[in-house]
Amino acid sequence: MTLIHFLLCYDHAAGRLLSRREFRNADEAAAAYADMEQEHLGDRHLEIVLVGADSIETIMQTHGNYFRDESEPLYLPTTVG
């Protein structure tokens, strides 16, 4: 399995993914992550993560909160049935 690195930037205030970059080289991915963290230092609304998997589809399953449909509510109510 080839590991692909995905650099994600999620805006919690807006409730949406701002950017997604794909890397095949781990060193380039780590450098881009460090650059983005430095660029947005102190921005409490942004979450910047670097994750690896075999495909973006896997990341969408394991980190689905970053890829949710923007028409869905941010918090789903709990129902007792």
N, C-alpha and C. Protein backbone atom coordinates (compact mmCIF):
# COMPACT_ATOMS: atom_id res chain seq x y z
N MET A 1 0.85 -1.18 0.00
CA MET A 1 0.00 0.00 0.00
C MET A 1 0.89 1.25 0.00
N THR A 2 0.59 2.17 -0.89
CA THR A 2 1.29 3.44 -0.94
C THR A 2 0.57 4.42 -0.03
N LEU A 3 1.32 5.04 0.86
CA LEU A 3 0.74 6.01 1.78
C LEU A 3 0.71 7.38 1.12
N ILE A 4 -0.47 7.98 1.12
CA ILE A 4 -0.66 9.33 0.61
C ILE A 4 -0.94 10.22 1.82
N HIS A 5 -0.31 11.38 1.85
CA HIS A 5 -0.48 12.31 2.96
C HIS A 5 -1.44 13.42 2.52
N PHE A 6 -2.37 13.74 3.41
CA PHE A 6 -3.35 14.78 3.12
C PHE A 6 -3.25 15.86 4.19
N LEU A 7 -3.03 17.09 3.75
CA LEU A 7 -2.97 18.24 4.63
C LEU A 7 -4.32 18.93 4.55
N LEU A 8 -5.02 18.95 5.68
CA LEU A 8 -6.36 19.51 5.74
C LEU A 8 -6.38 20.75 6.62
N CYS A 9 -7.12 21.75 6.20
CA CYS A 9 -7.33 22.95 7.00
C CYS A 9 -8.83 23.14 7.14
N TYR A 10 -9.31 23.01 8.37
CA TYR A 10 -10.75 23.07 8.64
C TYR A 10 -11.05 24.31 9.47
N ASP A 11 -12.05 25.06 9.07
CA ASP A 11 -12.48 26.27 9.77
C ASP A 11 -13.70 25.92 10.62
N HIS A 12 -13.51 25.87 11.93
CA HIS A 12 -14.62 25.52 12.83
C HIS A 12 -15.67 26.63 12.87
N ALA A 13 -15.28 27.88 12.73
CA ALA A 13 -16.24 28.98 12.75
C ALA A 13 -17.18 28.91 11.55
N ALA A 14 -16.63 28.58 10.39
CA ALA A 14 -17.44 28.49 9.17
C ALA A 14 -18.06 27.10 9.00
N GLY A 15 -17.51 26.11 9.72
CA GLY A 15 -18.03 24.75 9.61
C GLY A 15 -17.73 24.09 8.28
N ARG A 16 -16.53 24.39 7.74
CA ARG A 16 -16.21 23.80 6.43
C ARG A 16 -14.70 23.64 6.25
N LEU A 17 -14.36 22.74 5.35
CA LEU A 17 -12.98 22.50 4.98
C LEU A 17 -12.52 23.62 4.06
N LEU A 18 -11.44 24.29 4.43
CA LEU A 18 -10.92 25.39 3.62
C LEU A 18 -9.96 24.91 2.54
N SER A 19 -9.16 23.90 2.88
CA SER A 19 -8.20 23.43 1.89
C SER A 19 -7.84 21.97 2.14
N ARG A 20 -7.43 21.33 1.04
CA ARG A 20 -6.97 19.94 1.08
C ARG A 20 -5.84 19.82 0.07
N ARG A 21 -4.67 19.40 0.56
CA ARG A 21 -3.52 19.19 -0.32
C ARG A 21 -3.06 17.75 -0.17
N GLU A 22 -2.63 17.18 -1.26
CA GLU A 22 -2.21 15.78 -1.30
C GLU A 22 -0.71 15.71 -1.58
N PHE A 23 -0.03 14.82 -0.84
CA PHE A 23 1.42 14.65 -1.00
C PHE A 23 1.75 13.17 -1.08
N ARG A 24 2.68 12.84 -1.94
CA ARG A 24 3.20 11.47 -2.03
C ARG A 24 4.54 11.36 -1.29
N ASN A 25 5.11 12.50 -0.95
CA ASN A 25 6.40 12.55 -0.27
C ASN A 25 6.19 13.01 1.17
N ALA A 26 6.60 12.19 2.14
CA ALA A 26 6.37 12.48 3.56
C ALA A 26 7.10 13.74 4.02
N ASP A 27 8.31 13.96 3.53
CA ASP A 27 9.07 15.14 3.93
C ASP A 27 8.41 16.42 3.43
N GLU A 28 7.93 16.40 2.20
CA GLU A 28 7.23 17.57 1.66
C GLU A 28 5.93 17.83 2.42
N ALA A 29 5.24 16.76 2.78
CA ALA A 29 3.99 16.90 3.54
C ALA A 29 4.27 17.52 4.91
N ALA A 30 5.30 17.04 5.59
CA ALA A 30 5.64 17.56 6.92
C ALA A 30 6.06 19.02 6.84
N ALA A 31 6.80 19.38 5.81
CA ALA A 31 7.23 20.78 5.64
C ALA A 31 6.02 21.68 5.36
N ALA A 32 5.11 21.23 4.52
CA ALA A 32 3.90 22.02 4.22
C ALA A 32 3.04 22.18 5.46
N TYR A 33 2.95 21.12 6.27
CA TYR A 33 2.19 21.17 7.53
C TYR A 33 2.81 22.21 8.46
N ALA A 34 4.12 22.17 8.63
CA ALA A 34 4.81 23.13 9.50
C ALA A 34 4.60 24.56 9.00
N ASP A 35 4.68 24.76 7.70
CA ASP A 35 4.46 26.09 7.12
C ASP A 35 3.04 26.59 7.39
N MET A 36 2.06 25.72 7.20
CA MET A 36 0.67 26.12 7.41
C MET A 36 0.40 26.41 8.89
N GLU A 37 0.95 25.58 9.77
CA GLU A 37 0.80 25.82 11.21
C GLU A 37 1.39 27.19 11.58
N GLN A 38 2.56 27.50 11.05
CA GLN A 38 3.21 28.78 11.34
C GLN A 38 2.39 29.94 10.77
N GLU A 39 1.89 29.76 9.56
CA GLU A 39 1.11 30.81 8.90
C GLU A 39 -0.16 31.15 9.68
N HIS A 40 -0.76 30.16 10.32
CA HIS A 40 -2.03 30.38 11.01
C HIS A 40 -1.88 30.30 12.54
N LEU A 41 -0.68 30.52 13.01
CA LEU A 41 -0.41 30.48 14.44
C LEU A 41 -1.34 31.45 15.17
N GLY A 42 -2.04 30.95 16.17
CA GLY A 42 -2.92 31.79 16.97
C GLY A 42 -4.35 31.86 16.46
N ASP A 43 -4.62 31.31 15.30
CA ASP A 43 -5.99 31.32 14.78
C ASP A 43 -6.74 30.15 15.39
N ARG A 44 -7.52 30.43 16.39
CA ARG A 44 -8.19 29.39 17.17
C ARG A 44 -9.33 28.71 16.43
N HIS A 45 -9.79 29.31 15.33
CA HIS A 45 -10.90 28.73 14.58
C HIS A 45 -10.44 27.65 13.60
N LEU A 46 -9.15 27.64 13.29
CA LEU A 46 -8.65 26.70 12.29
C LEU A 46 -8.04 25.47 12.94
N GLU A 47 -8.31 24.34 12.33
CA GLU A 47 -7.68 23.08 12.72
C GLU A 47 -6.91 22.59 11.50
N ILE A 48 -5.63 22.40 11.69
CA ILE A 48 -4.76 21.95 10.62
C ILE A 48 -4.24 20.57 10.98
N VAL A 49 -4.49 19.61 10.10
CA VAL A 49 -4.08 18.24 10.37
C VAL A 49 -3.39 17.64 9.15
N LEU A 50 -2.47 16.74 9.43
CA LEU A 50 -1.80 15.98 8.39
C LEU A 50 -2.09 14.52 8.67
N VAL A 51 -2.78 13.87 7.76
CA VAL A 51 -3.16 12.47 7.93
C VAL A 51 -2.73 11.67 6.71
N GLY A 52 -2.50 10.39 6.93
CA GLY A 52 -2.06 9.54 5.84
C GLY A 52 -2.96 8.33 5.68
N ALA A 53 -3.14 7.93 4.44
CA ALA A 53 -3.96 6.75 4.11
C ALA A 53 -3.69 6.36 2.67
N ASP A 54 -4.38 5.32 2.24
CA ASP A 54 -4.22 4.85 0.86
C ASP A 54 -4.99 5.69 -0.15
N SER A 55 -5.99 6.46 0.32
CA SER A 55 -6.82 7.25 -0.60
C SER A 55 -7.58 8.32 0.16
N ILE A 56 -8.10 9.30 -0.57
CA ILE A 56 -8.93 10.33 0.05
C ILE A 56 -10.24 9.72 0.54
N GLU A 57 -10.70 8.67 -0.11
CA GLU A 57 -11.94 8.02 0.33
C GLU A 57 -11.78 7.44 1.74
N THR A 58 -10.62 6.88 2.02
CA THR A 58 -10.37 6.36 3.37
C THR A 58 -10.37 7.50 4.38
N ILE A 59 -9.72 8.61 4.05
CA ILE A 59 -9.70 9.76 4.95
C ILE A 59 -11.11 10.29 5.17
N MET A 60 -11.92 10.29 4.13
CA MET A 60 -13.30 10.77 4.26
C MET A 60 -14.11 9.87 5.20
N GLN A 61 -13.75 8.60 5.27
CA GLN A 61 -14.43 7.69 6.20
C GLN A 61 -13.91 7.86 7.62
N THR A 62 -12.58 7.96 7.76
CA THR A 62 -12.01 8.03 9.10
C THR A 62 -12.06 9.42 9.72
N HIS A 63 -12.14 10.45 8.89
CA HIS A 63 -12.18 11.83 9.36
C HIS A 63 -13.36 12.56 8.71
N GLY A 64 -14.50 11.92 8.74
CA GLY A 64 -15.68 12.43 8.05
C GLY A 64 -16.15 13.79 8.50
N ASN A 65 -15.83 14.17 9.74
CA ASN A 65 -16.28 15.47 10.22
C ASN A 65 -15.70 16.63 9.40
N TYR A 66 -14.57 16.42 8.74
CA TYR A 66 -13.99 17.46 7.89
C TYR A 66 -14.69 17.56 6.54
N PHE A 67 -15.45 16.54 6.18
CA PHE A 67 -16.04 16.46 4.83
C PHE A 67 -17.56 16.44 4.84
N ARG A 68 -18.15 16.78 5.94
CA ARG A 68 -19.60 16.70 6.03
C ARG A 68 -20.26 17.63 5.03
N ASP A 69 -21.47 17.31 4.67
CA ASP A 69 -22.27 18.14 3.77
C ASP A 69 -22.59 19.44 4.51
N GLU A 70 -22.30 20.58 3.89
CA GLU A 70 -22.51 21.86 4.55
C GLU A 70 -23.98 22.15 4.83
N SER A 71 -24.89 21.40 4.22
CA SER A 71 -26.31 21.60 4.50
C SER A 71 -26.73 20.89 5.79
N GLU A 72 -25.88 20.00 6.30
CA GLU A 72 -26.18 19.31 7.55
C GLU A 72 -25.92 20.25 8.73
N PRO A 73 -26.70 20.10 9.82
CA PRO A 73 -26.42 20.94 11.00
C PRO A 73 -25.07 20.55 11.60
N LEU A 74 -24.45 21.50 12.28
CA LEU A 74 -23.16 21.23 12.92
C LEU A 74 -23.31 20.20 14.04
N TYR A 75 -24.40 20.26 14.77
CA TYR A 75 -24.62 19.33 15.87
C TYR A 75 -25.95 18.67 15.69
N LEU A 76 -25.95 17.37 15.68
CA LEU A 76 -27.18 16.62 15.53
C LEU A 76 -27.80 16.38 16.90
N PRO A 77 -29.09 16.64 17.06
CA PRO A 77 -29.72 16.42 18.37
C PRO A 77 -29.80 14.94 18.68
N THR A 78 -29.71 14.63 19.95
CA THR A 78 -29.85 13.26 20.40
C THR A 78 -31.32 12.98 20.66
N THR A 79 -31.80 11.88 20.14
CA THR A 79 -33.19 11.52 20.38
C THR A 79 -33.24 10.26 21.22
N VAL A 80 -34.22 10.20 22.08
CA VAL A 80 -34.43 9.02 22.91
C VAL A 80 -35.68 8.34 22.38
N GLY A 81 -35.55 7.05 22.09
CA GLY A 81 -36.65 6.46 21.41
C GLY A 81 -37.26 5.32 22.01
